[in-house]
Amino acid sequence: MARIVELCPEIAGGKGVAGLDVIRHGVGLRPCREGGVRIETELMDGMDCPVIHNYGHAGWGYQGSYGCAERVVELADEVFAGGSGDKAKL
């Protein structure tokens, strides 16, 4: 809060950090998945277009994003080349 008041004093009406109120605290949860990340193609019942799943990265989502995105592109290329995903496991 001190940094924002230093950069933009008018945000606190000239009262410094004391002029700010904390309304609530929030956290960004990073869900993980038992068995690790899910990156795969799935053809769901009743759908012609496969779904490409890419989730469950937990706290390393940013670090792994480039590699996971590359894999998603590979899967999309396979789909458009005529391959199909697995049947839904619901």
C-alpha atoms as a PDB file:
ATOM      1  CA  MET A   1       0.000   0.000   0.000  1.00  0.00           C
ATOM      2  CA  ALA A   2       2.917   2.292   0.724  1.00  0.00           C
ATOM      3  CA  ARG A   3       4.202   1.845  -2.819  1.00  0.00           C
ATOM      4  CA  ILE A   4       0.921   2.822  -4.444  1.00  0.00           C
ATOM      5  CA  VAL A   5       0.545   5.854  -2.185  1.00  0.00           C
ATOM      6  CA  GLU A   6       4.097   6.865  -3.072  1.00  0.00           C
ATOM      7  CA  LEU A   7       3.354   6.535  -6.789  1.00  0.00           C
ATOM      8  CA  CYS A   8      -0.139   8.025  -6.645  1.00  0.00           C
ATOM      9  CA  PRO A   9      -0.650  10.076  -3.440  1.00  0.00           C
ATOM     10  CA  GLU A  10      -4.090  11.300  -4.510  1.00  0.00           C
ATOM     11  CA  ILE A  11      -5.445   7.767  -4.085  1.00  0.00           C
ATOM     12  CA  ALA A  12      -5.374   8.287  -0.307  1.00  0.00           C
ATOM     13  CA  GLY A  13      -6.620  11.867  -0.329  1.00  0.00           C
ATOM     14  CA  GLY A  14      -3.264  13.182   0.898  1.00  0.00           C
ATOM     15  CA  LYS A  15      -3.460  11.149   4.136  1.00  0.00           C
ATOM     16  CA  GLY A  16      -0.810   8.571   3.241  1.00  0.00           C
ATOM     17  CA  VAL A  17      -1.345   4.895   3.985  1.00  0.00           C
ATOM     18  CA  ALA A  18      -3.546   5.881   6.941  1.00  0.00           C
ATOM     19  CA  GLY A  19      -6.062   7.205   4.407  1.00  0.00           C
ATOM     20  CA  LEU A  20      -6.578   3.746   2.932  1.00  0.00           C
ATOM     21  CA  ASP A  21      -8.937   1.046   4.178  1.00  0.00           C
ATOM     22  CA  VAL A  22      -8.535  -2.665   3.539  1.00  0.00           C
ATOM     23  CA  ILE A  23     -11.948  -3.794   2.346  1.00  0.00           C
ATOM     24  CA  ARG A  24     -11.119  -7.506   2.087  1.00  0.00           C
ATOM     25  CA  HIS A  25      -8.269  -9.921   1.533  1.00  0.00           C
ATOM     26  CA  GLY A  26      -8.290 -12.225  -1.468  1.00  0.00           C
ATOM     27  CA  VAL A  27      -6.107 -15.056  -2.651  1.00  0.00           C
ATOM     28  CA  GLY A  28      -5.506 -16.512  -6.069  1.00  0.00           C
ATOM     29  CA  LEU A  29      -5.905 -20.251  -5.715  1.00  0.00           C
ATOM     30  CA  ARG A  30      -4.023 -22.395  -8.176  1.00  0.00           C
ATOM     31  CA  PRO A  31      -5.858 -25.698  -8.448  1.00  0.00           C
ATOM     32  CA  CYS A  32      -3.927 -28.871  -8.983  1.00  0.00           C
ATOM     33  CA  ARG A  33      -5.167 -32.218 -10.156  1.00  0.00           C
ATOM     34  CA  GLU A  34      -4.568 -35.714  -8.836  1.00  0.00           C
ATOM     35  CA  GLY A  35      -2.401 -37.387 -11.434  1.00  0.00           C
ATOM     36  CA  GLY A  36      -0.891 -34.118 -12.636  1.00  0.00           C
ATOM     37  CA  VAL A  37      -1.701 -31.780 -15.472  1.00  0.00           C
ATOM     38  CA  ARG A  38      -4.307 -32.859 -17.992  1.00  0.00           C
ATOM     39  CA  ILE A  39      -3.307 -32.039 -21.555  1.00  0.00           C
ATOM     40  CA  GLU A  40      -5.217 -34.205 -23.985  1.00  0.00           C
ATOM     41  CA  THR A  41      -7.867 -34.247 -26.661  1.00  0.00           C
ATOM     42  CA  GLU A  42     -11.297 -35.650 -25.881  1.00  0.00           C
ATOM     43  CA  LEU A  43     -14.209 -36.275 -28.210  1.00  0.00           C
ATOM     44  CA  MET A  44     -17.289 -35.889 -26.060  1.00  0.00           C
ATOM     45  CA  ASP A  45     -20.512 -37.724 -26.833  1.00  0.00           C
ATOM     46  CA  GLY A  46     -22.737 -35.801 -29.217  1.00  0.00           C
ATOM     47  CA  MET A  47     -20.017 -33.372 -30.314  1.00  0.00           C
ATOM     48  CA  ASP A  48     -18.201 -33.267 -33.642  1.00  0.00           C
ATOM     49  CA  CYS A  49     -15.400 -30.997 -32.460  1.00  0.00           C
ATOM     50  CA  PRO A  50     -12.941 -32.399 -29.894  1.00  0.00           C
ATOM     51  CA  VAL A  51     -12.136 -30.553 -26.684  1.00  0.00           C
ATOM     52  CA  ILE A  52      -8.475 -29.974 -25.819  1.00  0.00           C
ATOM     53  CA  HIS A  53      -7.983 -30.017 -22.053  1.00  0.00           C
ATOM     54  CA  ASN A  54      -5.141 -28.033 -20.456  1.00  0.00           C
ATOM     55  CA  TYR A  55      -5.578 -27.611 -16.709  1.00  0.00           C
ATOM     56  CA  GLY A  56      -4.402 -28.656 -13.248  1.00  0.00           C
ATOM     57  CA  HIS A  57      -1.046 -26.857 -13.278  1.00  0.00           C
ATOM     58  CA  ALA A  58      -1.120 -25.833  -9.596  1.00  0.00           C
ATOM     59  CA  GLY A  59       1.551 -23.310  -8.613  1.00  0.00           C
ATOM     60  CA  TRP A  60       3.735 -23.835 -11.673  1.00  0.00           C
ATOM     61  CA  GLY A  61       1.179 -22.766 -14.280  1.00  0.00           C
ATOM     62  CA  TYR A  62       3.147 -19.744 -15.450  1.00  0.00           C
ATOM     63  CA  GLN A  63       6.448 -21.591 -15.645  1.00  0.00           C
ATOM     64  CA  GLY A  64       4.933 -24.470 -17.572  1.00  0.00           C
ATOM     65  CA  SER A  65       2.667 -22.385 -19.767  1.00  0.00           C
ATOM     66  CA  TYR A  66       4.948 -22.252 -22.819  1.00  0.00           C
ATOM     67  CA  GLY A  67       5.551 -25.993 -22.927  1.00  0.00           C
ATOM     68  CA  CYS A  68       1.906 -26.773 -22.262  1.00  0.00           C
ATOM     69  CA  ALA A  69       0.810 -24.316 -24.945  1.00  0.00           C
ATOM     70  CA  GLU A  70       3.166 -25.982 -27.422  1.00  0.00           C
ATOM     71  CA  ARG A  71       1.563 -29.340 -26.639  1.00  0.00           C
ATOM     72  CA  VAL A  72      -1.921 -27.870 -27.116  1.00  0.00           C
ATOM     73  CA  VAL A  73      -0.862 -26.562 -30.543  1.00  0.00           C
ATOM     74  CA  GLU A  74       0.421 -30.040 -31.445  1.00  0.00           C
ATOM     75  CA  LEU A  75      -2.908 -31.559 -30.396  1.00  0.00           C
ATOM     76  CA  ALA A  76      -4.855 -28.948 -32.375  1.00  0.00           C
ATOM     77  CA  ASP A  77      -2.700 -29.681 -35.432  1.00  0.00           C
ATOM     78  CA  GLU A  78      -3.500 -33.381 -35.041  1.00  0.00           C
ATOM     79  CA  VAL A  79      -7.227 -32.622 -34.797  1.00  0.00           C
ATOM     80  CA  PHE A  80      -7.207 -30.481 -37.936  1.00  0.00           C
ATOM     81  CA  ALA A  81      -5.114 -33.082 -39.758  1.00  0.00           C
ATOM     82  CA  GLY A  82      -7.912 -35.597 -39.298  1.00  0.00           C
ATOM     83  CA  GLY A  83      -7.073 -37.264 -35.988  1.00  0.00           C
ATOM     84  CA  SER A  84      -9.666 -37.566 -33.275  1.00  0.00           C
ATOM     85  CA  GLY A  85      -9.551 -37.492 -29.524  1.00  0.00           C
ATOM     86  CA  ASP A  86     -10.420 -40.193 -27.041  1.00  0.00           C
ATOM     87  CA  LYS A  87     -14.051 -40.820 -26.213  1.00  0.00           C
ATOM     88  CA  ALA A  88     -15.278 -38.997 -23.117  1.00  0.00           C
ATOM     89  CA  LYS A  89     -14.442 -40.665 -19.802  1.00  0.00           C
ATOM     90  CA  LEU A  90     -17.357 -39.215 -17.862  1.00  0.00           C
END
